Amino acid sequence: MKSIHIIAESLPAAWEQAVTACWAQGESFPTEYDHEGDPNSRDVSVLIHVTKPFEEPRIHRAFPGGLDDLEKYRSEVLFGVHNHWVDPAAGKWEYTYHERMFEYEAPSIGVFDQIRAVVDKLKEVPYTRRAQAVTWQVWNDMTIDDPSCLQRLWFRIADGQLHMNVHMRSNDAFKAAFMNMYAFTELQRVMAAEIGVEPGQYMHIADSFHIYGSYFADFEGFLKCIEGRAPEDRVYNTDECLPFFLQGCDTLLGEEDMPADKKALVEKRKSELMSS
């Protein structure tokens, strides 16, 4: 196994350095999602340390996905806007990260809000090493088709800041990692405000940080894109993305099956974006 260690100030720079290092240094591994004829993935273990994740610019222009999708994903992680789609018996989603973090349900335990417990613990004992939320359900996730990639979130307060370590079992480096990192830091920001401290540094640890063989052509296009642009032309400041974030909110609000309490959270988010 190969490993890479990335230290960068900004979120987009950290992701870009990590994903290009995975391409250059990744070992060849087959995956359980390969189709006939797909090349092996490129795969490394990674620790990405973002020292100033909340300073602008925060968004990479070339991450695979729309800016409206980034807003929708943020709402999934922070608000659980699609928790009602979880219904394995009906062939729908097995879980959501929000459900596992905020509505964790285990045998003999019942529903437990881990994020609330973390916030309360850090308010009570700011120096604790026990502030974490876990997602892996060992009695369930070893047998389902799409087990949780996110494993746990670990938090520490130091120098008046809330620092966050995210541990991933498996992480699609190209098509998912940036959206993961962005949404998780948004959660970090919200939790820090509730605790009464500033959001701090962010570490993203993935046991398997990989680029799927089926994505190789897309990734080569990504490389050509970034090679042809200056660093400042490869990023967005958050305020440049607001129209697209509002579009993402409107798309969510147009979903007829979304529960009213979740729509209220999206409406509040849209109002905050419009006044920013």
Protein backbone atom coordinates (compact mmCIF):
# COMPACT_ATOMS: atom_id res chain seq x y z
CA MET A 1 0.00 0.00 0.00
CA LYS A 2 1.14 3.50 -0.81
CA SER A 3 0.22 6.57 1.20
CA ILE A 4 0.23 10.28 0.55
CA HIS A 5 0.23 13.19 2.99
CA ILE A 6 -1.07 16.51 1.71
CA ILE A 7 -0.83 19.78 3.64
CA ALA A 8 -2.44 22.83 2.04
CA GLU A 9 -4.12 25.99 3.22
CA SER A 10 -7.32 25.95 1.17
CA LEU A 11 -9.93 23.29 0.52
CA PRO A 12 -9.67 23.36 -3.31
CA ALA A 13 -5.86 23.31 -3.27
CA ALA A 14 -5.81 20.38 -0.85
CA TRP A 15 -8.27 18.35 -2.94
CA GLU A 16 -6.49 19.12 -6.21
CA GLN A 17 -3.11 18.11 -4.80
CA ALA A 18 -4.54 14.92 -3.30
CA VAL A 19 -6.41 13.74 -6.38
CA THR A 20 -3.49 14.44 -8.72
CA ALA A 21 -1.12 12.64 -6.33
CA CYS A 22 -3.49 9.66 -6.32
CA TRP A 23 -3.35 9.61 -10.12
CA ALA A 24 0.44 9.83 -10.18
CA GLN A 25 1.24 7.47 -7.31
CA GLY A 26 -1.81 5.23 -6.91
CA GLU A 27 -1.41 1.48 -7.01
CA SER A 28 -3.54 -0.73 -9.24
CA PHE A 29 -6.52 -2.38 -7.52
CA PRO A 30 -9.70 -3.99 -8.82
CA THR A 31 -12.96 -2.93 -7.12
CA GLU A 32 -16.30 -4.56 -6.38
CA TYR A 33 -17.98 -2.05 -8.71
CA ASP A 34 -15.95 -2.74 -11.86
CA HIS A 35 -17.64 -3.71 -15.10
CA GLU A 36 -16.11 -6.02 -17.67
CA GLY A 37 -13.29 -4.23 -19.46
CA ASP A 38 -12.78 -1.51 -16.83
CA PRO A 39 -9.15 -0.83 -15.91
CA ASN A 40 -8.13 -1.30 -12.29
CA SER A 41 -8.52 1.75 -10.07
CA ARG A 42 -5.61 3.87 -8.85
CA ASP A 43 -5.62 3.72 -5.07
CA VAL A 44 -3.68 5.14 -2.12
CA SER A 45 -4.22 5.78 1.57
CA VAL A 46 -4.32 9.52 2.22
CA LEU A 47 -4.18 12.13 4.95
CA ILE A 48 -5.23 15.56 3.71
CA HIS A 49 -4.57 18.36 6.21
CA VAL A 50 -6.30 21.64 5.36
CA THR A 51 -4.92 24.35 7.62
CA LYS A 52 -7.30 27.18 6.66
CA PRO A 53 -10.39 25.45 5.26
CA PHE A 54 -12.73 28.41 5.80
CA GLU A 55 -10.66 31.03 4.02
CA GLU A 56 -11.60 31.89 0.46
CA PRO A 57 -11.45 30.55 -2.13
CA ARG A 58 -13.36 27.50 -0.89
CA ILE A 59 -14.55 25.88 -4.10
CA HIS A 60 -12.70 24.20 -6.97
CA ARG A 61 -14.06 25.10 -10.38
CA ALA A 62 -13.31 21.68 -11.89
CA PHE A 63 -14.78 19.32 -9.32
CA PRO A 64 -17.09 16.89 -11.13
CA GLY A 65 -20.54 18.17 -10.32
CA GLY A 66 -22.63 21.30 -10.49
CA LEU A 67 -22.56 24.04 -7.89
CA ASP A 68 -26.29 23.48 -7.38
CA ASP A 69 -25.47 19.82 -6.65
CA LEU A 70 -22.93 20.98 -4.06
CA GLU A 71 -25.68 22.90 -2.27
CA LYS A 72 -28.05 19.95 -2.45
CA TYR A 73 -25.40 17.65 -1.01
CA ARG A 74 -24.76 20.12 1.80
CA SER A 75 -28.47 19.97 2.63
CA GLU A 76 -28.39 16.18 2.63
CA VAL A 77 -25.50 16.08 5.11
CA LEU A 78 -26.58 18.93 7.40
CA PHE A 79 -30.38 18.72 7.18
CA GLY A 80 -31.17 15.16 6.08
CA VAL A 81 -33.42 16.40 3.28
CA HIS A 82 -33.49 12.94 1.71
CA ASN A 83 -33.69 10.77 4.80
CA HIS A 84 -37.19 9.84 3.72
CA TRP A 85 -35.67 8.02 0.75
CA VAL A 86 -34.12 5.45 3.10
CA ASP A 87 -36.10 2.24 2.60
CA PRO A 88 -33.89 -0.79 1.85
CA ALA A 89 -36.86 -3.15 1.75
CA ALA A 90 -38.26 -1.16 -1.18
CA GLY A 91 -34.94 -1.12 -3.00
CA LYS A 92 -34.25 2.49 -2.12
CA TRP A 93 -31.35 4.03 -0.17
CA GLU A 94 -29.73 1.95 2.57
CA TYR A 95 -28.90 4.99 4.73
CA THR A 96 -27.79 8.61 4.64
CA TYR A 97 -24.85 10.15 6.48
CA HIS A 98 -27.25 12.51 8.23
CA GLU A 99 -29.39 9.62 9.42
CA ARG A 100 -26.34 7.81 10.79
CA MET A 101 -24.95 10.92 12.52
CA PHE A 102 -28.14 12.55 13.81
CA GLU A 103 -30.56 9.62 14.03
CA TYR A 104 -28.25 6.71 14.82
CA GLU A 105 -30.20 3.57 15.59
CA ALA A 106 -28.62 0.45 17.04
CA PRO A 107 -30.07 -2.70 18.59
CA SER A 108 -31.08 -2.15 22.24
CA ILE A 109 -30.13 1.55 22.00
CA GLY A 110 -32.75 3.20 19.84
CA VAL A 111 -32.40 6.56 18.09
CA PHE A 112 -29.48 8.68 19.26
CA ASP A 113 -28.32 12.11 18.01
CA GLN A 114 -24.55 11.77 17.98
CA ILE A 115 -23.86 15.31 16.78
CA ARG A 116 -25.89 16.77 19.63
CA ALA A 117 -23.96 14.56 22.05
CA VAL A 118 -20.65 15.78 20.60
CA VAL A 119 -21.66 19.44 20.92
CA ASP A 120 -22.84 18.93 24.50
CA LYS A 121 -19.66 17.05 25.44
CA LEU A 122 -17.40 19.75 24.01
CA LYS A 123 -19.34 22.45 25.83
CA GLU A 124 -18.90 20.53 29.07
CA VAL A 125 -15.28 19.38 28.55
CA PRO A 126 -13.62 21.37 25.75
CA TYR A 127 -10.41 19.32 25.95
CA THR A 128 -12.10 15.91 25.68
CA ARG A 129 -10.76 13.29 23.27
CA ARG A 130 -14.11 11.47 23.25
CA ALA A 131 -16.03 13.79 20.92
CA GLN A 132 -16.78 11.61 17.93
CA ALA A 133 -19.68 10.38 15.82
CA VAL A 134 -19.54 6.99 14.09
CA THR A 135 -21.49 5.71 11.10
CA TRP A 136 -20.41 2.09 10.60
CA GLN A 137 -22.99 -0.46 11.71
CA VAL A 138 -21.00 -3.66 11.93
CA TRP A 139 -24.13 -5.83 12.25
CA ASN A 140 -25.42 -4.42 8.97
CA ASP A 141 -22.76 -2.85 6.76
CA MET A 142 -20.66 -5.96 6.08
CA THR A 143 -23.51 -7.44 4.04
CA ILE A 144 -25.27 -4.57 2.22
CA ASP A 145 -24.45 -3.57 -1.37
CA ASP A 146 -23.43 0.03 -0.64
CA PRO A 147 -21.97 0.29 2.88
CA SER A 148 -21.10 3.62 4.45
CA CYS A 149 -17.87 5.17 3.17
CA LEU A 150 -17.77 7.71 6.00
CA GLN A 151 -16.70 5.96 9.20
CA ARG A 152 -16.41 8.62 11.88
CA LEU A 153 -15.98 12.28 12.69
CA TRP A 154 -13.64 13.26 15.51
CA PHE A 155 -13.49 16.72 17.07
CA ARG A 156 -11.08 18.62 19.30
CA ILE A 157 -11.05 22.19 20.61
CA ALA A 158 -7.67 23.92 20.72
CA ASP A 159 -6.78 27.62 20.77
CA GLY A 160 -10.45 28.56 20.74
CA GLN A 161 -11.13 26.62 17.52
CA LEU A 162 -13.04 23.46 16.70
CA HIS A 163 -10.81 21.13 14.70
CA MET A 164 -12.25 18.17 12.82
CA ASN A 165 -10.86 14.84 11.58
CA VAL A 166 -12.95 12.87 9.09
CA HIS A 167 -12.19 9.17 8.60
CA MET A 168 -13.32 7.48 5.40
CA ARG A 169 -13.19 3.74 4.76
CA SER A 170 -13.37 4.30 1.03
CA ASN A 171 -13.44 7.57 -0.90
CA ASP A 172 -13.98 8.25 -4.60
CA ALA A 173 -11.14 10.73 -4.95
CA PHE A 174 -12.31 12.31 -8.18
CA LYS A 175 -16.10 12.35 -8.19
CA ALA A 176 -16.96 12.51 -4.49
CA ALA A 177 -14.10 13.70 -2.28
CA PHE A 178 -14.41 17.44 -2.88
CA MET A 179 -18.14 17.42 -2.20
CA ASN A 180 -17.52 15.34 0.93
CA MET A 181 -14.86 17.74 2.20
CA TYR A 182 -16.97 20.81 1.49
CA ALA A 183 -20.09 19.47 3.21
CA PHE A 184 -18.20 18.13 6.22
CA THR A 185 -16.49 21.49 6.77
CA GLU A 186 -19.89 23.17 6.54
CA LEU A 187 -21.03 20.89 9.37
CA GLN A 188 -17.87 21.81 11.26
CA ARG A 189 -18.72 25.50 10.85
CA VAL A 190 -22.26 25.03 12.19
CA MET A 191 -21.09 22.98 15.17
CA ALA A 192 -18.38 25.50 16.05
CA ALA A 193 -20.95 28.31 16.09
CA GLU A 194 -23.21 26.31 18.39
CA ILE A 195 -20.35 25.54 20.76
CA GLY A 196 -19.24 29.20 20.72
CA VAL A 197 -15.80 28.81 19.13
CA GLU A 198 -14.30 29.46 15.72
CA PRO A 199 -14.06 26.66 13.12
CA GLY A 200 -10.49 25.46 12.84
CA GLN A 201 -8.39 23.04 10.81
CA TYR A 202 -9.68 20.03 8.91
CA MET A 203 -8.13 16.61 8.31
CA HIS A 204 -9.53 14.14 5.79
CA ILE A 205 -8.24 10.59 6.19
CA ALA A 206 -9.16 7.87 3.69
CA ASP A 207 -8.01 4.26 3.85
CA SER A 208 -8.77 3.81 0.15
CA PHE A 209 -8.60 7.07 -1.83
CA HIS A 210 -9.18 5.97 -5.39
CA ILE A 211 -9.89 6.94 -8.98
CA TYR A 212 -12.06 4.33 -10.69
CA GLY A 213 -10.80 2.90 -13.96
CA SER A 214 -14.12 3.75 -15.60
CA TYR A 215 -13.37 7.44 -14.87
CA PHE A 216 -9.89 7.56 -16.41
CA ALA A 217 -10.95 9.42 -19.57
CA ASP A 218 -12.82 12.00 -17.50
CA PHE A 219 -9.85 12.41 -15.20
CA GLU A 220 -7.45 12.99 -18.07
CA GLY A 221 -9.79 15.79 -19.17
CA PHE A 222 -9.65 17.21 -15.65
CA LEU A 223 -5.84 17.18 -15.77
CA LYS A 224 -5.81 19.05 -19.07
CA CYS A 225 -8.26 21.58 -17.63
CA ILE A 226 -6.16 22.41 -14.58
CA GLU A 227 -2.88 22.35 -16.47
CA GLY A 228 -4.20 25.02 -18.82
CA ARG A 229 -5.33 27.43 -16.10
CA ALA A 230 -3.54 29.60 -13.57
CA PRO A 231 -4.20 28.66 -9.91
CA GLU A 232 -6.50 31.66 -9.39
CA ASP A 233 -8.58 30.58 -12.39
CA ARG A 234 -9.18 27.12 -10.94
CA VAL A 235 -11.16 28.27 -7.90
CA TYR A 236 -14.30 30.17 -6.87
CA ASN A 237 -14.98 32.37 -3.90
CA THR A 238 -18.23 31.39 -2.19
CA ASP A 239 -20.02 34.60 -3.14
CA GLU A 240 -19.48 33.81 -6.83
CA CYS A 241 -21.49 30.63 -6.36
CA LEU A 242 -24.55 32.07 -4.61
CA PRO A 243 -26.87 32.06 -7.68
CA PHE A 244 -26.18 28.36 -8.16
CA PHE A 245 -26.63 27.62 -4.46
CA LEU A 246 -30.02 29.34 -4.63
CA GLN A 247 -30.87 27.19 -7.65
CA GLY A 248 -30.00 24.11 -5.61
CA CYS A 249 -32.32 25.28 -2.84
CA ASP A 250 -35.13 25.87 -5.33
CA THR A 251 -34.68 22.38 -6.78
CA LEU A 252 -34.99 20.86 -3.31
CA LEU A 253 -38.02 22.99 -2.50
CA GLY A 254 -39.66 21.72 -5.68
CA GLU A 255 -39.55 18.11 -4.47
CA GLU A 256 -43.14 17.25 -3.63
CA ASP A 257 -42.30 14.35 -1.33
CA MET A 258 -39.95 16.28 0.97
CA PRO A 259 -41.26 16.49 4.56
CA ALA A 260 -42.40 19.93 5.72
CA ASP A 261 -39.79 20.20 8.49
CA LYS A 262 -36.99 19.60 6.00
CA LYS A 263 -38.43 22.14 3.56
CA ALA A 264 -38.45 24.68 6.39
CA LEU A 265 -34.71 24.12 6.89
CA VAL A 266 -34.05 24.65 3.18
CA GLU A 267 -36.21 27.80 3.19
CA LYS A 268 -34.16 29.14 6.08
CA ARG A 269 -30.93 28.31 4.28
CA LYS A 270 -32.19 30.05 1.12
CA SER A 271 -33.10 33.14 3.14
CA GLU A 272 -29.62 33.21 4.68
CA LEU A 273 -28.00 32.93 1.26
CA MET A 274 -30.12 35.74 -0.14
CA SER A 275 -29.16 38.06 2.73
CA SER A 276 -25.45 37.22 2.59
